[in-house]
């Protein structure tokens, strides 16, 4: 495949964003709608999803951590086999908005009530897994990518600094969980599914 600068991407368009479901909601039906319809109008991922809102200028970071076990033979200390023993996929974000979607994700099992214009959130020990579904939308001009994450959990949270002259942000790392689902009439084990209209992702017939 020849070099093509049109395939270089800078995903930060206005319609980019991170969406999650609430805990206890079943994994939404797949496939999801495209990010944009035929007229270029944005389409949200579905009624079960809520957007976290503005994210920091660093944008989301998609990570992968793999542990590969190497099995060696006596002769020449030669590697004769490898096995992947750990394979973790993560999405790290810094949310800028202090809204209920961010708070509920950041504090699993918290209890929130609103009386009048005052909202109270009680944060206590987490009793179990807080499993949700998520969607990460990435937009670069007319090119888009929608990443559907059937199951995710909050893995890590960073410190929240309340500093003069600085925006407060809420640093979170989300860990994907493998989920069994039917895709294209085949039962598969899925971490996430990417859909995109990027021309460079099309595999040409040989």
N, C-alpha and C. Protein backbone atom coordinates (compact mmCIF):
# COMPACT_ATOMS: atom_id res chain seq x y z
N UNK A 1 0.84 -1.19 0.00
CA UNK A 1 0.00 0.00 0.00
C UNK A 1 0.88 1.24 0.00
N UNK A 2 0.65 2.15 -0.93
CA UNK A 2 1.47 3.36 -1.05
C UNK A 2 1.15 4.33 0.07
N UNK A 3 2.12 5.22 0.37
CA UNK A 3 1.89 6.27 1.37
C UNK A 3 0.77 7.20 0.90
N UNK A 4 -0.05 7.65 1.84
CA UNK A 4 -1.17 8.52 1.50
C UNK A 4 -1.46 9.43 2.69
N UNK A 5 -1.14 10.72 2.56
CA UNK A 5 -1.36 11.65 3.67
C UNK A 5 -2.83 11.80 4.02
N UNK A 6 -3.72 11.45 3.09
CA UNK A 6 -5.16 11.53 3.38
C UNK A 6 -5.57 10.53 4.47
N UNK A 7 -4.71 9.55 4.72
CA UNK A 7 -5.03 8.56 5.75
C UNK A 7 -4.55 8.97 7.15
N UNK A 8 -3.81 10.09 7.24
CA UNK A 8 -3.38 10.59 8.55
C UNK A 8 -4.57 11.27 9.23
N UNK A 9 -4.79 10.96 10.48
CA UNK A 9 -5.98 11.42 11.20
C UNK A 9 -5.61 12.30 12.38
N UNK A 10 -6.47 13.27 12.67
CA UNK A 10 -6.41 14.09 13.88
C UNK A 10 -7.83 14.17 14.42
N UNK A 11 -8.15 13.26 15.31
CA UNK A 11 -9.52 13.16 15.81
C UNK A 11 -9.76 14.14 16.96
N UNK A 12 -10.47 15.22 16.68
CA UNK A 12 -10.85 16.15 17.75
C UNK A 12 -12.07 16.98 17.36
N UNK A 13 -12.84 16.51 16.36
CA UNK A 13 -14.00 17.25 15.89
C UNK A 13 -15.06 17.43 16.97
N UNK A 14 -15.93 18.42 16.77
CA UNK A 14 -16.93 18.78 17.77
C UNK A 14 -17.81 17.60 18.16
N UNK A 15 -18.12 16.72 17.22
CA UNK A 15 -19.00 15.59 17.51
C UNK A 15 -18.30 14.44 18.21
N UNK A 16 -17.00 14.58 18.47
CA UNK A 16 -16.28 13.57 19.24
C UNK A 16 -16.79 13.58 20.69
N UNK A 17 -16.76 12.41 21.34
CA UNK A 17 -17.20 12.37 22.73
C UNK A 17 -17.25 10.96 23.26
N UNK A 18 -17.45 10.85 24.58
CA UNK A 18 -17.55 9.56 25.25
C UNK A 18 -18.93 9.43 25.86
N UNK A 19 -19.56 8.29 25.61
CA UNK A 19 -20.91 8.01 26.08
C UNK A 19 -20.89 6.74 26.91
N UNK A 20 -21.70 6.68 27.98
CA UNK A 20 -21.81 5.47 28.79
C UNK A 20 -23.27 5.22 29.14
N UNK A 21 -23.56 3.97 29.47
CA UNK A 21 -24.87 3.63 30.00
C UNK A 21 -24.82 3.71 31.53
N UNK A 22 -25.97 3.61 32.14
CA UNK A 22 -26.03 3.56 33.60
C UNK A 22 -25.82 2.11 34.06
N UNK A 23 -25.40 1.92 35.30
CA UNK A 23 -25.18 0.55 35.78
C UNK A 23 -26.48 -0.24 35.81
N UNK A 24 -26.37 -1.52 35.52
CA UNK A 24 -27.54 -2.39 35.53
C UNK A 24 -28.31 -2.44 34.24
N UNK A 25 -27.93 -1.59 33.27
CA UNK A 25 -28.60 -1.58 31.97
C UNK A 25 -28.01 -2.69 31.09
N UNK A 26 -28.85 -3.43 30.42
CA UNK A 26 -28.38 -4.49 29.53
C UNK A 26 -27.53 -3.90 28.41
N UNK A 27 -26.61 -4.71 27.90
CA UNK A 27 -25.78 -4.26 26.77
C UNK A 27 -26.70 -3.88 25.61
N UNK A 28 -26.58 -2.66 25.09
CA UNK A 28 -27.46 -2.23 24.00
C UNK A 28 -27.29 -3.10 22.75
N UNK A 29 -28.33 -3.14 21.96
CA UNK A 29 -28.31 -3.94 20.74
C UNK A 29 -27.29 -3.38 19.76
N UNK A 30 -26.62 -4.29 19.08
CA UNK A 30 -25.64 -3.93 18.05
C UNK A 30 -26.15 -4.45 16.70
N UNK A 31 -25.94 -3.71 15.59
CA UNK A 31 -25.08 -2.54 15.44
C UNK A 31 -25.73 -1.24 15.89
N UNK A 32 -24.85 -0.28 16.19
CA UNK A 32 -25.28 1.07 16.55
C UNK A 32 -25.40 1.89 15.27
N UNK A 33 -26.11 3.03 15.33
CA UNK A 33 -26.15 3.91 14.15
C UNK A 33 -24.79 4.51 13.85
N UNK A 34 -24.57 4.90 12.60
CA UNK A 34 -23.36 5.64 12.24
C UNK A 34 -23.35 6.98 12.98
N UNK A 35 -22.17 7.58 13.15
CA UNK A 35 -22.09 8.88 13.82
C UNK A 35 -22.88 9.93 13.05
N UNK A 36 -22.77 9.93 11.74
CA UNK A 36 -23.48 10.91 10.91
C UNK A 36 -24.42 10.19 9.94
N UNK A 37 -25.58 10.80 9.72
CA UNK A 37 -26.50 10.22 8.74
C UNK A 37 -26.09 10.65 7.33
N UNK A 38 -26.88 10.32 6.34
CA UNK A 38 -26.52 10.60 4.95
C UNK A 38 -26.42 12.10 4.67
N UNK A 39 -27.02 12.91 5.53
CA UNK A 39 -26.96 14.37 5.37
C UNK A 39 -25.89 15.01 6.24
N UNK A 40 -25.09 14.17 6.92
CA UNK A 40 -24.02 14.69 7.76
C UNK A 40 -24.46 15.14 9.13
N UNK A 41 -25.69 14.80 9.52
CA UNK A 41 -26.22 15.19 10.82
C UNK A 41 -25.81 14.16 11.87
N UNK A 42 -25.36 14.65 13.04
CA UNK A 42 -24.90 13.77 14.10
C UNK A 42 -26.03 12.89 14.61
N UNK A 43 -25.70 11.62 14.87
CA UNK A 43 -26.63 10.67 15.46
C UNK A 43 -26.01 10.10 16.75
N UNK A 44 -26.70 10.28 17.87
CA UNK A 44 -26.17 9.73 19.11
C UNK A 44 -26.25 8.20 19.07
N UNK A 45 -25.52 7.51 19.96
CA UNK A 45 -25.46 6.06 19.87
C UNK A 45 -26.72 5.34 20.32
N UNK A 46 -27.64 6.04 20.97
CA UNK A 46 -28.88 5.38 21.39
C UNK A 46 -29.39 5.94 22.70
N UNK A 47 -30.65 5.63 23.01
CA UNK A 47 -31.33 6.22 24.17
C UNK A 47 -30.72 5.78 25.49
N UNK A 48 -30.01 4.64 25.52
CA UNK A 48 -29.43 4.15 26.78
C UNK A 48 -28.11 4.83 27.14
N UNK A 49 -27.57 5.64 26.23
CA UNK A 49 -26.26 6.24 26.45
C UNK A 49 -26.37 7.70 26.88
N UNK A 50 -25.45 8.11 27.76
CA UNK A 50 -25.37 9.49 28.23
C UNK A 50 -23.94 9.99 28.01
N UNK A 51 -23.81 11.19 27.49
CA UNK A 51 -22.48 11.73 27.19
C UNK A 51 -21.86 12.33 28.44
N UNK A 52 -20.54 12.12 28.60
CA UNK A 52 -19.84 12.71 29.74
C UNK A 52 -19.66 14.21 29.58
N UNK A 53 -19.74 14.71 28.36
CA UNK A 53 -19.58 16.14 28.13
C UNK A 53 -18.18 16.48 27.64
N UNK A 54 -17.76 17.71 27.93
CA UNK A 54 -16.45 18.18 27.48
C UNK A 54 -15.34 17.36 28.12
N UNK A 55 -14.33 17.02 27.31
CA UNK A 55 -13.12 16.35 27.78
C UNK A 55 -11.95 17.30 27.63
N UNK A 56 -10.87 17.06 28.38
CA UNK A 56 -9.72 17.95 28.33
C UNK A 56 -9.08 17.94 26.95
N UNK A 57 -8.28 18.95 26.67
CA UNK A 57 -7.67 19.11 25.35
C UNK A 57 -6.72 17.97 25.00
N UNK A 58 -6.29 17.18 25.99
CA UNK A 58 -5.43 16.03 25.70
C UNK A 58 -6.20 14.92 24.98
N UNK A 59 -7.54 14.95 25.11
CA UNK A 59 -8.35 13.93 24.46
C UNK A 59 -8.23 12.58 25.13
N UNK A 60 -8.99 11.60 24.66
CA UNK A 60 -8.92 10.25 25.23
C UNK A 60 -7.66 9.53 24.77
N UNK A 61 -7.17 8.65 25.63
CA UNK A 61 -6.00 7.82 25.31
C UNK A 61 -6.41 6.37 25.36
N UNK A 62 -6.22 5.68 24.24
CA UNK A 62 -6.56 4.27 24.15
C UNK A 62 -5.30 3.46 24.43
N UNK A 63 -5.38 2.55 25.40
CA UNK A 63 -4.21 1.78 25.80
C UNK A 63 -4.41 0.29 25.67
N UNK A 64 -3.31 -0.40 25.55
CA UNK A 64 -3.32 -1.87 25.53
C UNK A 64 -2.09 -2.38 26.26
N UNK A 65 -2.31 -3.30 27.20
CA UNK A 65 -1.22 -3.90 27.97
C UNK A 65 -1.29 -5.40 27.80
N UNK A 66 -0.22 -5.97 27.22
CA UNK A 66 -0.19 -7.40 26.96
C UNK A 66 0.98 -8.04 27.68
N UNK A 67 0.74 -9.23 28.24
CA UNK A 67 1.80 -10.03 28.83
C UNK A 67 1.93 -11.31 28.01
N UNK A 68 3.13 -11.50 27.45
CA UNK A 68 3.37 -12.67 26.61
C UNK A 68 4.36 -13.59 27.31
N UNK A 69 3.90 -14.80 27.58
CA UNK A 69 4.76 -15.81 28.18
C UNK A 69 5.58 -16.49 27.09
N UNK A 70 6.89 -16.60 27.32
CA UNK A 70 7.80 -17.21 26.35
C UNK A 70 8.25 -18.58 26.87
N UNK A 71 8.07 -19.60 26.06
CA UNK A 71 8.49 -20.95 26.42
C UNK A 71 9.72 -21.30 25.58
N UNK A 72 10.78 -21.70 26.28
CA UNK A 72 12.06 -21.94 25.61
C UNK A 72 12.45 -23.42 25.68
N UNK A 73 13.15 -23.83 24.65
CA UNK A 73 13.72 -25.17 24.63
C UNK A 73 15.12 -25.13 25.25
N UNK A 74 15.56 -26.28 25.65
CA UNK A 74 16.91 -26.37 26.20
C UNK A 74 17.96 -26.02 25.15
N UNK A 75 17.77 -26.54 23.93
CA UNK A 75 18.78 -26.34 22.89
C UNK A 75 18.82 -24.88 22.45
N UNK A 76 19.91 -24.24 22.76
CA UNK A 76 20.13 -22.87 22.32
C UNK A 76 19.24 -21.85 23.00
N UNK A 77 18.52 -22.26 24.05
CA UNK A 77 17.59 -21.35 24.73
C UNK A 77 16.61 -20.75 23.74
N UNK A 78 16.18 -21.56 22.77
CA UNK A 78 15.33 -21.11 21.67
C UNK A 78 13.87 -21.00 22.11
N UNK A 79 13.21 -19.90 21.73
CA UNK A 79 11.79 -19.75 22.01
C UNK A 79 11.02 -20.66 21.05
N UNK A 80 10.26 -21.59 21.59
CA UNK A 80 9.52 -22.54 20.75
C UNK A 80 8.03 -22.27 20.76
N UNK A 81 7.58 -21.45 21.69
CA UNK A 81 6.15 -21.16 21.77
C UNK A 81 5.94 -19.90 22.61
N UNK A 82 4.88 -19.16 22.27
CA UNK A 82 4.48 -18.02 23.09
C UNK A 82 2.98 -18.12 23.40
N UNK A 83 2.57 -17.49 24.50
CA UNK A 83 1.16 -17.47 24.88
C UNK A 83 0.85 -16.13 25.53
N UNK A 84 -0.24 -15.51 25.11
CA UNK A 84 -0.68 -14.26 25.73
C UNK A 84 -1.45 -14.61 26.99
N UNK A 85 -0.91 -14.22 28.15
CA UNK A 85 -1.54 -14.56 29.43
C UNK A 85 -2.37 -13.39 29.97
N UNK A 86 -2.10 -12.19 29.54
CA UNK A 86 -2.90 -11.02 29.92
C UNK A 86 -3.03 -10.11 28.71
N UNK A 87 -4.22 -9.54 28.53
CA UNK A 87 -4.45 -8.64 27.39
C UNK A 87 -5.51 -7.63 27.81
N UNK A 88 -5.08 -6.50 28.31
CA UNK A 88 -5.99 -5.49 28.84
C UNK A 88 -6.11 -4.30 27.89
N UNK A 89 -7.34 -3.86 27.66
CA UNK A 89 -7.61 -2.68 26.84
C UNK A 89 -8.23 -1.60 27.71
N UNK A 90 -7.70 -0.38 27.63
CA UNK A 90 -8.17 0.70 28.48
C UNK A 90 -8.43 1.96 27.66
N UNK A 91 -9.26 2.82 28.23
CA UNK A 91 -9.52 4.15 27.68
C UNK A 91 -9.40 5.15 28.83
N UNK A 92 -8.45 6.08 28.69
CA UNK A 92 -8.20 7.05 29.75
C UNK A 92 -8.70 8.43 29.31
N UNK A 93 -9.45 9.09 30.18
CA UNK A 93 -9.99 10.41 29.84
C UNK A 93 -9.87 11.35 31.03
N UNK A 94 -9.96 12.63 30.71
CA UNK A 94 -10.07 13.67 31.74
C UNK A 94 -11.34 14.45 31.46
N UNK A 95 -12.36 14.20 32.27
CA UNK A 95 -13.64 14.88 32.10
C UNK A 95 -13.56 16.28 32.71
N UNK A 96 -14.10 17.26 31.99
CA UNK A 96 -14.07 18.65 32.47
C UNK A 96 -15.36 19.06 33.17
N UNK A 97 -16.43 18.32 32.94
CA UNK A 97 -17.72 18.74 33.49
C UNK A 97 -18.00 18.07 34.83
N UNK A 98 -18.53 18.86 35.76
CA UNK A 98 -18.99 18.34 37.04
C UNK A 98 -20.48 18.09 36.90
N UNK A 99 -20.83 16.99 36.23
CA UNK A 99 -22.24 16.66 36.01
C UNK A 99 -22.54 15.28 36.61
N UNK A 100 -23.81 14.88 36.59
CA UNK A 100 -24.19 13.64 37.26
C UNK A 100 -23.63 12.40 36.56
N UNK A 101 -23.43 12.47 35.24
CA UNK A 101 -22.89 11.32 34.50
C UNK A 101 -21.45 11.04 34.96
N UNK A 102 -20.65 12.10 35.05
CA UNK A 102 -19.26 11.96 35.50
C UNK A 102 -19.21 11.49 36.95
N UNK A 103 -20.04 12.08 37.80
CA UNK A 103 -20.02 11.74 39.22
C UNK A 103 -20.42 10.29 39.44
N UNK A 104 -21.46 9.83 38.76
CA UNK A 104 -21.92 8.45 38.92
C UNK A 104 -20.88 7.45 38.44
N UNK A 105 -20.15 7.81 37.38
CA UNK A 105 -19.09 6.93 36.89
C UNK A 105 -17.90 6.93 37.84
N UNK A 106 -17.57 8.09 38.37
CA UNK A 106 -16.39 8.23 39.23
C UNK A 106 -16.60 7.58 40.60
N UNK A 107 -17.83 7.60 41.08
CA UNK A 107 -18.12 7.06 42.41
C UNK A 107 -19.16 5.94 42.30
N UNK A 108 -18.75 4.73 41.92
CA UNK A 108 -19.70 3.61 41.84
C UNK A 108 -20.38 3.36 43.18
N UNK A 109 -21.64 2.99 43.13
CA UNK A 109 -22.45 2.70 44.31
C UNK A 109 -22.73 3.93 45.17
N UNK A 110 -22.43 5.12 44.67
CA UNK A 110 -22.79 6.32 45.42
C UNK A 110 -24.30 6.53 45.36
N UNK A 111 -24.81 7.27 46.33
CA UNK A 111 -26.25 7.56 46.40
C UNK A 111 -26.44 9.07 46.26
N UNK A 112 -27.19 9.46 45.23
CA UNK A 112 -27.39 10.89 44.94
C UNK A 112 -28.86 11.24 45.02
N UNK A 113 -29.16 12.31 45.73
CA UNK A 113 -30.53 12.84 45.82
C UNK A 113 -30.48 14.35 45.63
N UNK A 114 -31.54 14.89 45.06
CA UNK A 114 -31.64 16.32 44.85
C UNK A 114 -32.91 16.84 45.51
N UNK A 115 -32.75 17.87 46.31
CA UNK A 115 -33.88 18.57 46.93
C UNK A 115 -33.76 20.04 46.56
N UNK A 116 -34.75 20.51 45.81
CA UNK A 116 -34.65 21.89 45.32
C UNK A 116 -33.50 22.01 44.35
N UNK A 117 -32.58 22.92 44.66
CA UNK A 117 -31.42 23.09 43.78
C UNK A 117 -30.14 22.58 44.43
N UNK A 118 -30.29 21.76 45.48
CA UNK A 118 -29.12 21.20 46.17
C UNK A 118 -29.07 19.69 45.96
N UNK A 119 -27.94 19.20 45.47
CA UNK A 119 -27.74 17.78 45.23
C UNK A 119 -26.74 17.22 46.23
N UNK A 120 -27.12 16.11 46.83
CA UNK A 120 -26.26 15.42 47.80
C UNK A 120 -25.81 14.09 47.23
N UNK A 121 -24.50 13.82 47.29
CA UNK A 121 -23.94 12.53 46.87
C UNK A 121 -23.22 11.90 48.03
N UNK A 122 -23.65 10.71 48.42
CA UNK A 122 -23.02 9.96 49.50
C UNK A 122 -22.11 8.92 48.88
N UNK A 123 -20.82 9.02 49.17
CA UNK A 123 -19.82 8.10 48.63
C UNK A 123 -19.38 7.14 49.72
N UNK A 124 -19.57 5.86 49.49
CA UNK A 124 -19.15 4.84 50.44
C UNK A 124 -18.37 3.75 49.75
N UNK A 125 -18.13 2.64 50.43
CA UNK A 125 -17.38 1.54 49.81
C UNK A 125 -18.14 0.97 48.61
N UNK A 126 -17.39 0.57 47.61
CA UNK A 126 -18.01 -0.05 46.44
C UNK A 126 -18.29 -1.50 46.75
N UNK A 127 -19.55 -1.93 46.51
CA UNK A 127 -19.97 -3.26 46.88
C UNK A 127 -19.70 -4.33 45.85
N UNK A 128 -19.48 -3.96 44.60
CA UNK A 128 -19.27 -4.95 43.54
C UNK A 128 -18.89 -4.25 42.26
N UNK A 129 -18.90 -4.99 41.17
CA UNK A 129 -18.52 -4.42 39.88
C UNK A 129 -19.58 -3.43 39.40
N UNK A 130 -19.13 -2.34 38.85
CA UNK A 130 -20.00 -1.33 38.26
C UNK A 130 -19.84 -1.44 36.74
N UNK A 131 -20.55 -2.39 36.15
CA UNK A 131 -20.35 -2.71 34.73
C UNK A 131 -21.31 -1.88 33.88
N UNK A 132 -20.79 -1.28 32.84
CA UNK A 132 -21.57 -0.46 31.93
C UNK A 132 -21.15 -0.76 30.49
N UNK A 133 -21.87 -0.17 29.55
CA UNK A 133 -21.45 -0.14 28.15
C UNK A 133 -20.99 1.27 27.82
N UNK A 134 -20.16 1.40 26.80
CA UNK A 134 -19.65 2.71 26.42
C UNK A 134 -19.48 2.85 24.92
N UNK A 135 -19.43 4.09 24.49
CA UNK A 135 -19.15 4.42 23.09
C UNK A 135 -18.20 5.60 23.06
N UNK A 136 -17.12 5.46 22.31
CA UNK A 136 -16.20 6.57 22.06
C UNK A 136 -16.35 7.00 20.62
N UNK A 137 -16.76 8.25 20.42
CA UNK A 137 -16.91 8.82 19.08
C UNK A 137 -15.70 9.68 18.76
N UNK A 138 -15.10 9.45 17.59
CA UNK A 138 -13.94 10.20 17.12
C UNK A 138 -14.24 10.77 15.75
N UNK A 139 -14.05 12.09 15.59
CA UNK A 139 -14.41 12.74 14.34
C UNK A 139 -13.24 13.61 13.85
N UNK A 140 -12.93 13.47 12.57
CA UNK A 140 -11.92 14.29 11.90
C UNK A 140 -12.51 14.75 10.58
N UNK A 141 -13.14 15.93 10.57
CA UNK A 141 -13.81 16.41 9.36
C UNK A 141 -14.97 15.50 9.00
N UNK A 142 -14.93 14.95 7.78
CA UNK A 142 -15.99 14.04 7.34
C UNK A 142 -15.72 12.59 7.73
N UNK A 143 -14.54 12.34 8.30
CA UNK A 143 -14.17 10.97 8.68
C UNK A 143 -14.52 10.75 10.14
N UNK A 144 -15.12 9.62 10.43
CA UNK A 144 -15.50 9.32 11.81
C UNK A 144 -15.17 7.88 12.16
N UNK A 145 -15.07 7.65 13.47
CA UNK A 145 -14.87 6.31 14.02
C UNK A 145 -15.74 6.20 15.27
N UNK A 146 -16.55 5.18 15.34
CA UNK A 146 -17.39 4.93 16.52
C UNK A 146 -16.95 3.60 17.14
N UNK A 147 -16.48 3.66 18.39
CA UNK A 147 -15.98 2.49 19.09
C UNK A 147 -17.02 2.08 20.13
N UNK A 148 -17.58 0.90 19.95
CA UNK A 148 -18.59 0.37 20.87
C UNK A 148 -17.91 -0.58 21.85
N UNK A 149 -18.07 -0.30 23.15
CA UNK A 149 -17.48 -1.12 24.20
C UNK A 149 -18.63 -1.79 24.95
N UNK A 150 -18.88 -3.07 24.69
CA UNK A 150 -20.04 -3.71 25.32
C UNK A 150 -20.01 -3.71 26.84
N UNK A 151 -18.81 -3.92 27.41
CA UNK A 151 -18.70 -3.93 28.87
C UNK A 151 -17.42 -3.22 29.30
N UNK A 152 -17.56 -2.31 30.25
CA UNK A 152 -16.41 -1.61 30.81
C UNK A 152 -16.64 -1.39 32.30
N UNK A 153 -15.53 -1.20 33.01
CA UNK A 153 -15.57 -0.85 34.43
C UNK A 153 -14.57 0.27 34.68
N UNK A 154 -14.81 1.03 35.73
CA UNK A 154 -13.85 2.04 36.15
C UNK A 154 -12.65 1.32 36.76
N UNK A 155 -11.46 1.54 36.20
CA UNK A 155 -10.26 0.84 36.64
C UNK A 155 -9.46 1.69 37.61
N UNK A 156 -9.17 2.93 37.24
CA UNK A 156 -8.38 3.82 38.08
C UNK A 156 -8.93 5.23 38.00
N UNK A 157 -8.71 6.00 39.07
CA UNK A 157 -9.03 7.43 39.07
C UNK A 157 -7.80 8.20 39.52
N UNK A 158 -7.58 9.33 38.89
CA UNK A 158 -6.48 10.19 39.29
C UNK A 158 -6.91 11.18 40.36
N UNK A 159 -5.95 11.90 40.90
CA UNK A 159 -6.27 12.94 41.88
C UNK A 159 -7.03 14.07 41.20
N UNK A 160 -7.89 14.72 41.96
CA UNK A 160 -8.63 15.88 41.47
C UNK A 160 -8.08 17.12 42.16
N UNK A 161 -7.42 17.99 41.39
CA UNK A 161 -6.82 19.20 41.95
C UNK A 161 -7.80 20.36 41.81
N UNK A 162 -8.00 21.08 42.89
CA UNK A 162 -8.83 22.29 42.89
C UNK A 162 -7.89 23.48 43.07
N UNK A 163 -7.34 23.95 41.96
CA UNK A 163 -6.28 24.96 42.00
C UNK A 163 -6.76 26.27 41.38
N UNK A 164 -6.32 27.37 41.95
CA UNK A 164 -6.65 28.68 41.41
C UNK A 164 -6.05 28.82 40.02
N UNK A 165 -6.85 29.29 39.07
CA UNK A 165 -6.36 29.54 37.73
C UNK A 165 -6.30 28.32 36.85
N UNK A 166 -6.77 27.16 37.35
CA UNK A 166 -6.73 25.94 36.56
C UNK A 166 -8.12 25.31 36.51
N UNK A 167 -8.46 24.72 35.37
CA UNK A 167 -9.70 23.97 35.27
C UNK A 167 -9.62 22.71 36.13
N UNK A 168 -10.68 22.41 36.85
CA UNK A 168 -10.77 21.14 37.55
C UNK A 168 -11.15 20.05 36.55
N UNK A 169 -10.42 18.94 36.57
CA UNK A 169 -10.78 17.83 35.71
C UNK A 169 -10.80 16.55 36.51
N UNK A 170 -11.49 15.55 35.95
CA UNK A 170 -11.70 14.28 36.64
C UNK A 170 -11.08 13.18 35.79
N UNK A 171 -9.93 12.70 36.26
CA UNK A 171 -9.12 11.74 35.52
C UNK A 171 -9.60 10.32 35.82
N UNK A 172 -9.94 9.57 34.75
CA UNK A 172 -10.44 8.21 34.92
C UNK A 172 -9.88 7.30 33.84
N UNK A 173 -9.59 6.07 34.23
CA UNK A 173 -9.19 5.04 33.27
C UNK A 173 -10.26 3.95 33.29
N UNK A 174 -10.80 3.65 32.12
CA UNK A 174 -11.85 2.66 31.98
C UNK A 174 -11.26 1.38 31.38
N UNK A 175 -11.59 0.26 31.97
CA UNK A 175 -11.07 -1.05 31.55
C UNK A 175 -12.18 -1.82 30.85
N UNK A 176 -11.89 -2.33 29.65
CA UNK A 176 -12.87 -3.13 28.93
C UNK A 176 -12.89 -4.56 29.48
N UNK A 177 -14.07 -5.18 29.43
CA UNK A 177 -14.22 -6.59 29.79
C UNK A 177 -14.67 -7.36 28.55
N UNK A 178 -14.19 -8.57 28.42
CA UNK A 178 -14.58 -9.36 27.26
C UNK A 178 -16.06 -9.74 27.41
N UNK A 179 -16.77 -9.68 26.29
CA UNK A 179 -18.22 -9.92 26.29
C UNK A 179 -18.58 -10.83 25.13
N UNK A 180 -19.37 -11.86 25.39
CA UNK A 180 -19.81 -12.77 24.33
C UNK A 180 -21.04 -12.19 23.66
N UNK A 181 -20.98 -12.03 22.34
CA UNK A 181 -22.09 -11.46 21.60
C UNK A 181 -22.06 -11.94 20.16
N UNK A 182 -23.18 -11.82 19.48
CA UNK A 182 -23.27 -12.21 18.08
C UNK A 182 -23.00 -11.00 17.19
N UNK A 183 -21.99 -11.12 16.34
CA UNK A 183 -21.63 -10.07 15.39
C UNK A 183 -21.55 -10.71 14.01
N UNK A 184 -22.29 -10.19 13.06
CA UNK A 184 -22.31 -10.75 11.69
C UNK A 184 -22.65 -12.24 11.72
N UNK A 185 -23.65 -12.58 12.55
CA UNK A 185 -24.19 -13.94 12.65
C UNK A 185 -23.19 -14.94 13.23
N UNK A 186 -22.14 -14.43 13.89
CA UNK A 186 -21.14 -15.31 14.51
C UNK A 186 -21.01 -14.93 15.98
N UNK A 187 -21.03 -15.93 16.86
CA UNK A 187 -20.82 -15.69 18.28
C UNK A 187 -19.33 -15.43 18.51
N UNK A 188 -19.03 -14.27 19.13
CA UNK A 188 -17.63 -13.86 19.29
C UNK A 188 -17.38 -13.38 20.71
N UNK A 189 -16.10 -13.44 21.10
CA UNK A 189 -15.65 -12.80 22.34
C UNK A 189 -15.14 -11.41 21.97
N UNK A 190 -15.70 -10.37 22.56
CA UNK A 190 -15.46 -9.01 22.09
C UNK A 190 -14.99 -8.10 23.23
N UNK A 191 -13.90 -7.38 22.99
CA UNK A 191 -13.50 -6.28 23.87
C UNK A 191 -14.18 -4.98 23.42
N UNK A 192 -14.08 -4.70 22.13
CA UNK A 192 -14.75 -3.53 21.56
C UNK A 192 -14.86 -3.72 20.06
N UNK A 193 -15.71 -2.91 19.43
CA UNK A 193 -15.92 -2.97 17.99
C UNK A 193 -15.77 -1.57 17.43
N UNK A 194 -14.92 -1.44 16.42
CA UNK A 194 -14.75 -0.16 15.73
C UNK A 194 -15.53 -0.16 14.42
N UNK A 195 -16.27 0.92 14.19
CA UNK A 195 -16.87 1.17 12.88
C UNK A 195 -16.38 2.54 12.40
N UNK A 196 -15.98 2.61 11.14
CA UNK A 196 -15.43 3.86 10.62
C UNK A 196 -15.71 3.96 9.13
N UNK A 197 -15.76 5.21 8.66
CA UNK A 197 -15.87 5.44 7.21
C UNK A 197 -14.54 5.88 6.63
N UNK A 198 -13.45 5.68 7.37
CA UNK A 198 -12.12 6.06 6.89
C UNK A 198 -11.75 5.25 5.65
N UNK A 199 -11.48 5.91 4.52
CA UNK A 199 -11.17 5.17 3.28
C UNK A 199 -9.98 4.25 3.39
N UNK A 200 -8.98 4.65 4.18
CA UNK A 200 -7.77 3.85 4.30
C UNK A 200 -7.97 2.53 4.99
N UNK A 201 -9.10 2.33 5.66
CA UNK A 201 -9.35 1.08 6.37
C UNK A 201 -9.98 0.01 5.47
N UNK A 202 -10.32 0.40 4.25
CA UNK A 202 -10.93 -0.55 3.33
C UNK A 202 -9.84 -1.49 2.78
N UNK A 203 -10.05 -2.77 2.93
CA UNK A 203 -9.10 -3.75 2.38
C UNK A 203 -9.50 -4.03 0.93
N UNK A 204 -8.63 -3.64 0.01
CA UNK A 204 -8.94 -3.80 -1.41
C UNK A 204 -8.81 -5.27 -1.81
N UNK A 205 -9.68 -5.67 -2.73
CA UNK A 205 -9.66 -7.05 -3.21
C UNK A 205 -8.37 -7.32 -3.99
N UNK A 206 -7.78 -8.49 -3.76
CA UNK A 206 -6.54 -8.82 -4.47
C UNK A 206 -6.81 -9.86 -5.54
